[in-house]
Amino acid sequence: MTEQQTTDHPAVPASPPGAVATQQVAAPVSEAAPAVAGGPDAFAGAGSPPMKKDRRVLRAVLRWTAAVAVFAAVGASTAFGITSMDRTDVPGLATEADGRWTFPEIVRPPLPSGSPRPFAEANVAGSHHADLRALVLPAPAGAREDKALRGTDGWLPTEDFLAEYTSKQDRKEFGQRLTDHGLRHIAARGWTTEDGTHTRIYLLHFDTATVVDDLGSNKFASFNSLEYAVRDAHDSVMDSAFPGEARIRDISRSVYVEPKPYGAQQVREAYLRAGDVFAVIIQSRKGTTPAVPFQQTVTLQTELLD
């Protein structure tokens, strides 16, 4: 399945996932027997008469040699045929789908003329100068988009975002914290795939990276459990299975998963501190929420904010 990579404007086609490489097996090399000094007559006595060769034995040896050569040639060609095939073409070696989604071509929006990237040395505040609404990850192929998360003119009211959290007291306290940190606006997108996985992405925009760091590190998403509980999740613990290779140097990431025993559905959450943007990614599904699409979504959204 295809796993897209983000590119700067203009667009560069996303790279396909790495195919399973086939291993070429070199044909075995036989070592020739060392030559004996003096040739075949060296073992004959000085005055011994020449030995008669049994022609019947010689013919049998030649026939066996030819047969061995034929079998070796057939075996070598069979080995080459298998090793040169794609893994999915060999019976019993097909690679099953891992559940990744197919996203459209992902392109970072253009920056205003003269504006630096968010993590450039000249950008001390870590500001995202591109339109934040264009930095939200698009829905994958076949998904049904949640149009309500588009908000008005692409900006979502704060109370709609806070509705993700269970407790009225948590919503009030979190909302006040966002106000105190100078929340400017929220860009969001959501979708539901055919298997019922519901994804919500919220990009909260602040004035500087310093403000976001304070918000994210102040007891909110820095310990083993979250301070505010998302609706339908009885608990959240650090997701230790999330691959560390997916990290980007300038973006801090905290990933959580609802442990067993969960109720009717399982919830996964990710919180990103990316310069002046605080990103919240939530996925839920009846039964269990698969890990691979969640990891893919978090990784691609992180790359878009880089």
Protein backbone atom coordinates (compact mmCIF):
# COMPACT_ATOMS: atom_id res chain seq x y z
CA MET A 1 0.00 0.00 0.00
CA THR A 2 1.16 3.55 -0.52
CA GLU A 3 2.60 5.65 2.23
CA GLN A 4 2.91 9.27 1.12
CA GLN A 5 5.71 11.65 1.94
CA THR A 6 5.15 15.37 2.17
CA THR A 7 6.97 17.68 -0.20
CA ASP A 8 7.55 21.39 -0.42
CA HIS A 9 5.78 23.46 -3.08
CA PRO A 10 5.84 22.71 -5.99
CA ALA A 11 4.58 19.22 -5.49
CA VAL A 12 6.75 16.20 -5.82
CA PRO A 13 4.86 12.91 -6.22
CA ALA A 14 4.73 10.93 -3.08
CA SER A 15 7.05 8.05 -2.79
CA PRO A 16 5.52 4.55 -2.78
CA PRO A 17 6.15 2.27 0.17
CA GLY A 18 9.33 0.31 0.13
CA ALA A 19 8.85 -2.97 -1.72
CA VAL A 20 10.23 -6.13 -0.19
CA ALA A 21 13.58 -6.64 -1.82
CA THR A 22 14.34 -10.02 -3.36
CA GLN A 23 17.57 -11.66 -2.41
CA GLN A 24 19.72 -12.80 -5.30
CA VAL A 25 21.42 -16.10 -4.58
CA ALA A 26 24.77 -16.55 -6.23
CA ALA A 27 25.39 -19.89 -7.87
CA PRO A 28 27.73 -22.07 -5.78
CA VAL A 29 31.30 -21.99 -6.98
CA SER A 30 33.22 -25.24 -7.05
CA GLU A 31 36.89 -25.16 -6.26
CA ALA A 32 39.06 -27.08 -8.70
CA ALA A 33 41.15 -29.91 -7.24
CA PRO A 34 44.81 -28.92 -6.91
CA ALA A 35 47.09 -30.27 -9.61
CA VAL A 36 49.48 -33.00 -8.53
CA ALA A 37 53.10 -32.36 -9.30
CA GLY A 38 54.44 -34.64 -11.98
CA GLY A 39 51.05 -35.40 -13.55
CA PRO A 40 49.13 -38.68 -13.44
CA ASP A 41 52.25 -40.77 -14.12
CA ALA A 42 53.93 -39.52 -10.94
CA PHE A 43 52.44 -42.39 -8.94
CA ALA A 44 53.65 -45.03 -11.38
CA GLY A 45 56.87 -46.79 -10.52
CA ALA A 46 59.92 -45.85 -12.50
CA GLY A 47 59.95 -49.11 -14.39
CA SER A 48 56.23 -49.98 -14.21
CA PRO A 49 54.36 -50.83 -17.40
CA PRO A 50 51.54 -48.37 -18.41
CA MET A 51 48.09 -49.21 -16.88
CA LYS A 52 45.25 -50.15 -19.22
CA LYS A 53 42.17 -47.89 -19.03
CA ASP A 54 38.82 -49.58 -18.67
CA ARG A 55 36.76 -47.98 -21.45
CA ARG A 56 33.49 -49.12 -19.89
CA VAL A 57 34.30 -47.34 -16.63
CA LEU A 58 35.32 -44.22 -18.55
CA ARG A 59 32.04 -44.15 -20.49
CA ALA A 60 30.04 -44.51 -17.25
CA VAL A 61 31.93 -41.65 -15.65
CA LEU A 62 31.24 -39.44 -18.67
CA ARG A 63 27.52 -40.26 -18.57
CA TRP A 64 27.27 -39.39 -14.85
CA THR A 65 29.20 -36.18 -15.40
CA ALA A 66 26.78 -35.11 -18.14
CA ALA A 67 23.79 -35.96 -15.96
CA VAL A 68 25.16 -33.93 -13.03
CA ALA A 69 25.77 -30.96 -15.35
CA VAL A 70 22.18 -31.07 -16.62
CA PHE A 71 20.71 -31.20 -13.08
CA ALA A 72 22.99 -28.37 -11.97
CA ALA A 73 21.87 -26.22 -14.90
CA VAL A 74 18.18 -26.89 -14.18
CA GLY A 75 18.65 -26.19 -10.47
CA ALA A 76 20.48 -22.93 -11.15
CA SER A 77 17.80 -21.69 -13.54
CA THR A 78 15.04 -22.55 -11.02
CA ALA A 79 16.83 -20.70 -8.23
CA PHE A 80 17.26 -17.64 -10.45
CA GLY A 81 13.61 -17.75 -11.45
CA ILE A 82 12.43 -17.68 -7.82
CA THR A 83 14.89 -15.11 -6.55
CA SER A 84 14.16 -12.76 -9.45
CA MET A 85 10.39 -12.84 -8.78
CA ASP A 86 8.61 -10.37 -6.54
CA ARG A 87 7.91 -11.76 -3.09
CA THR A 88 4.16 -11.57 -3.70
CA ASP A 89 4.55 -13.77 -6.82
CA VAL A 90 5.98 -16.70 -4.88
CA PRO A 91 3.31 -18.99 -3.36
CA GLY A 92 3.46 -18.91 0.43
CA LEU A 93 5.57 -15.74 0.55
CA ALA A 94 2.91 -13.12 -0.23
CA THR A 95 3.01 -10.10 2.10
CA GLU A 96 -0.37 -9.34 3.62
CA ALA A 97 -1.71 -5.76 3.68
CA ASP A 98 -0.79 -3.96 6.90
CA GLY A 99 -3.82 -1.67 6.93
CA ARG A 100 -2.21 1.54 5.70
CA TRP A 101 -4.50 4.10 4.10
CA THR A 102 -4.05 5.64 0.66
CA PHE A 103 -3.74 9.42 0.95
CA PRO A 104 -3.85 11.89 -1.93
CA GLU A 105 -0.65 13.65 -2.95
CA ILE A 106 0.40 15.70 0.05
CA VAL A 107 2.00 19.08 -0.63
CA ARG A 108 2.98 21.82 1.78
CA PRO A 109 1.25 25.10 0.91
CA PRO A 110 3.44 27.91 -0.45
CA LEU A 111 4.92 30.41 1.98
CA PRO A 112 4.36 34.13 1.61
CA SER A 113 7.25 35.76 -0.22
CA GLY A 114 10.27 36.19 2.04
CA SER A 115 8.80 34.14 4.92
CA PRO A 116 11.01 31.44 6.49
CA ARG A 117 10.03 27.88 7.30
CA PRO A 118 8.83 27.37 10.91
CA PHE A 119 12.10 25.84 12.11
CA ALA A 120 14.54 27.96 10.14
CA GLU A 121 17.21 29.73 12.21
CA ALA A 122 15.78 33.12 11.21
CA ASN A 123 12.34 32.11 12.55
CA VAL A 124 12.95 32.56 16.28
CA ALA A 125 9.25 32.38 17.19
CA GLY A 126 8.72 29.12 15.29
CA SER A 127 5.88 30.72 13.34
CA HIS A 128 3.96 28.90 10.62
CA HIS A 129 3.50 31.59 7.98
CA ALA A 130 1.54 29.34 5.62
CA ASP A 131 -2.24 29.18 5.86
CA LEU A 132 -2.89 26.86 8.79
CA ARG A 133 -6.06 25.50 7.12
CA ALA A 134 -3.87 24.13 4.32
CA LEU A 135 -1.61 22.37 6.84
CA VAL A 136 -4.29 19.95 8.06
CA LEU A 137 -3.81 16.43 6.68
CA PRO A 138 -6.38 15.58 3.96
CA ALA A 139 -8.68 12.58 4.29
CA PRO A 140 -7.54 9.27 2.74
CA ALA A 141 -9.17 7.69 -0.28
CA GLY A 142 -12.62 6.26 0.35
CA ALA A 143 -13.17 8.11 3.65
CA ARG A 144 -16.31 10.07 4.48
CA GLU A 145 -15.30 13.55 5.62
CA ASP A 146 -16.81 15.14 8.72
CA LYS A 147 -17.86 18.48 7.26
CA ALA A 148 -18.89 19.86 10.66
CA LEU A 149 -15.21 20.10 11.65
CA ARG A 150 -14.58 22.54 8.83
CA GLY A 151 -16.23 25.24 10.89
CA THR A 152 -16.86 28.67 9.42
CA ASP A 153 -14.38 29.70 6.74
CA GLY A 154 -12.23 26.77 7.83
CA TRP A 155 -11.92 27.94 11.47
CA LEU A 156 -13.47 25.77 14.20
CA PRO A 157 -15.04 27.34 17.32
CA THR A 158 -13.13 26.52 20.50
CA GLU A 159 -16.16 24.92 22.15
CA ASP A 160 -16.42 22.41 19.29
CA PHE A 161 -12.87 21.30 19.97
CA LEU A 162 -13.46 21.15 23.74
CA ALA A 163 -16.43 18.84 23.11
CA GLU A 164 -13.85 16.05 22.62
CA TYR A 165 -13.34 15.97 26.40
CA THR A 166 -15.64 14.18 28.82
CA SER A 167 -15.83 16.27 31.95
CA LYS A 168 -17.58 19.63 32.02
CA GLN A 169 -15.01 20.79 34.55
CA ASP A 170 -12.16 19.66 32.24
CA ARG A 171 -13.69 21.53 29.31
CA LYS A 172 -14.01 24.69 31.38
CA GLU A 173 -10.48 24.45 32.78
CA PHE A 174 -8.88 23.55 29.45
CA GLY A 175 -10.79 26.32 27.69
CA GLN A 176 -9.53 28.86 30.20
CA ARG A 177 -6.00 27.61 29.75
CA LEU A 178 -6.27 28.05 25.97
CA THR A 179 -7.53 31.60 26.49
CA ASP A 180 -4.75 32.40 28.94
CA HIS A 181 -2.17 31.19 26.41
CA GLY A 182 -3.62 33.41 23.69
CA LEU A 183 -5.24 30.87 21.34
CA ARG A 184 -5.72 32.57 17.97
CA HIS A 185 -7.80 30.03 16.05
CA ILE A 186 -8.27 26.31 15.33
CA ALA A 187 -8.12 24.54 11.96
CA ALA A 188 -9.58 21.03 11.94
CA ARG A 189 -10.56 18.08 9.79
CA GLY A 190 -12.20 14.74 10.47
CA TRP A 191 -13.21 11.61 8.55
CA THR A 192 -14.51 8.08 8.95
CA THR A 193 -13.08 5.20 6.90
CA GLU A 194 -14.99 2.14 5.68
CA ASP A 195 -13.91 0.07 8.69
CA GLY A 196 -15.47 2.62 11.05
CA THR A 197 -12.26 4.32 12.25
CA HIS A 198 -13.11 7.93 13.15
CA THR A 199 -10.23 10.43 12.89
CA ARG A 200 -10.18 14.02 14.17
CA ILE A 201 -7.26 16.43 13.72
CA TYR A 202 -7.10 19.84 15.39
CA LEU A 203 -4.38 22.44 14.81
CA LEU A 204 -4.41 25.07 17.57
CA HIS A 205 -2.53 28.24 16.59
CA PHE A 206 -0.74 30.44 19.13
CA ASP A 207 1.62 33.42 18.93
CA THR A 208 4.98 31.69 19.55
CA ALA A 209 6.60 28.31 20.08
CA THR A 210 7.37 29.32 23.68
CA VAL A 211 3.66 29.58 24.44
CA VAL A 212 3.01 26.14 22.91
CA ASP A 213 5.85 24.57 24.87
CA ASP A 214 4.44 25.96 28.09
CA LEU A 215 0.94 24.71 27.25
CA GLY A 216 2.08 21.23 26.30
CA SER A 217 4.54 20.69 29.13
CA ASN A 218 2.41 22.11 31.95
CA LYS A 219 0.96 18.80 33.21
CA PHE A 220 -1.06 18.38 30.03
CA ALA A 221 0.74 15.82 27.86
CA SER A 222 4.03 15.12 29.55
CA PHE A 223 3.28 12.27 31.95
CA ASN A 224 2.15 8.67 31.58
CA SER A 225 -1.50 9.71 31.59
CA LEU A 226 -3.30 12.78 30.29
CA GLU A 227 -4.71 15.49 32.50
CA TYR A 228 -7.95 15.74 30.51
CA ALA A 229 -9.89 12.61 29.54
CA VAL A 230 -11.20 12.31 25.99
CA ARG A 231 -14.79 11.16 25.70
CA ASP A 232 -15.32 7.39 25.37
CA ALA A 233 -11.84 6.66 26.82
CA HIS A 234 -11.79 5.34 30.39
CA ASP A 235 -8.01 5.84 30.60
CA SER A 236 -4.97 6.80 28.49
CA VAL A 237 -1.42 5.52 28.84
CA MET A 238 1.76 6.16 26.88
CA ASP A 239 1.84 4.17 23.63
CA SER A 240 5.21 2.45 23.95
CA ALA A 241 4.65 0.55 20.68
CA PHE A 242 4.64 3.72 18.57
CA PRO A 243 7.79 3.59 16.33
CA GLY A 244 10.47 6.01 17.45
CA GLU A 245 11.86 6.27 13.90
CA ALA A 246 8.85 8.39 12.95
CA ARG A 247 10.06 11.34 15.04
CA ILE A 248 11.06 14.69 13.55
CA ARG A 249 13.77 16.57 15.40
CA ASP A 250 12.02 19.92 15.87
CA ILE A 251 8.57 18.57 16.79
CA SER A 252 7.78 17.11 20.22
CA ARG A 253 5.29 14.26 20.29
CA SER A 254 3.28 12.53 23.02
CA VAL A 255 1.25 9.47 22.01
CA TYR A 256 -1.36 7.67 24.11
CA VAL A 257 -3.58 4.63 23.79
CA GLU A 258 -6.57 3.44 25.80
CA PRO A 259 -5.59 0.21 27.60
CA LYS A 260 -7.78 -2.80 28.20
CA PRO A 261 -10.44 -3.23 29.33
CA TYR A 262 -11.94 -0.58 27.06
CA GLY A 263 -15.65 -0.24 26.44
CA ALA A 264 -17.52 -0.22 23.16
CA GLN A 265 -14.56 1.40 21.36
CA GLN A 266 -10.87 2.09 21.80
CA VAL A 267 -9.33 5.57 21.61
CA ARG A 268 -5.84 6.63 20.47
CA GLU A 269 -4.46 10.16 20.95
CA ALA A 270 -1.40 12.15 19.86
CA TYR A 271 -0.29 15.64 20.90
CA LEU A 272 2.31 17.53 18.86
CA ARG A 273 4.22 20.69 19.75
CA ALA A 274 5.28 22.10 16.39
CA GLY A 275 6.52 25.66 16.73
CA ASP A 276 3.52 27.93 17.28
CA VAL A 277 1.05 25.07 16.59
CA PHE A 278 -0.31 22.62 19.13
CA ALA A 279 -1.79 19.65 17.25
CA VAL A 280 -4.29 17.16 18.68
CA ILE A 281 -4.99 13.90 16.79
CA ILE A 282 -7.69 11.50 18.01
CA GLN A 283 -8.78 8.19 16.50
CA SER A 284 -11.47 5.83 17.76
CA ARG A 285 -13.25 2.73 16.50
CA LYS A 286 -15.75 0.21 17.76
CA GLY A 287 -13.87 -2.76 19.18
CA THR A 288 -10.19 -1.90 18.71
CA THR A 289 -8.52 0.96 16.85
CA PRO A 290 -5.77 -0.38 14.53
CA ALA A 291 -2.29 0.94 15.25
CA VAL A 292 -0.91 1.25 11.71
CA PRO A 293 -3.35 3.86 10.30
CA PHE A 294 -2.94 5.87 13.50
CA GLN A 295 0.85 5.83 13.20
CA GLN A 296 0.56 6.77 9.53
CA THR A 297 -1.79 9.68 10.27
CA VAL A 298 0.38 11.07 13.06
CA THR A 299 3.55 10.78 10.98
CA LEU A 300 2.11 12.50 7.90
CA GLN A 301 0.57 15.32 9.95
CA THR A 302 3.91 15.81 11.69
CA GLU A 303 5.70 16.08 8.34
CA LEU A 304 3.21 18.67 7.13
CA LEU A 305 3.99 20.86 10.15
CA ASP A 306 7.76 20.56 9.76
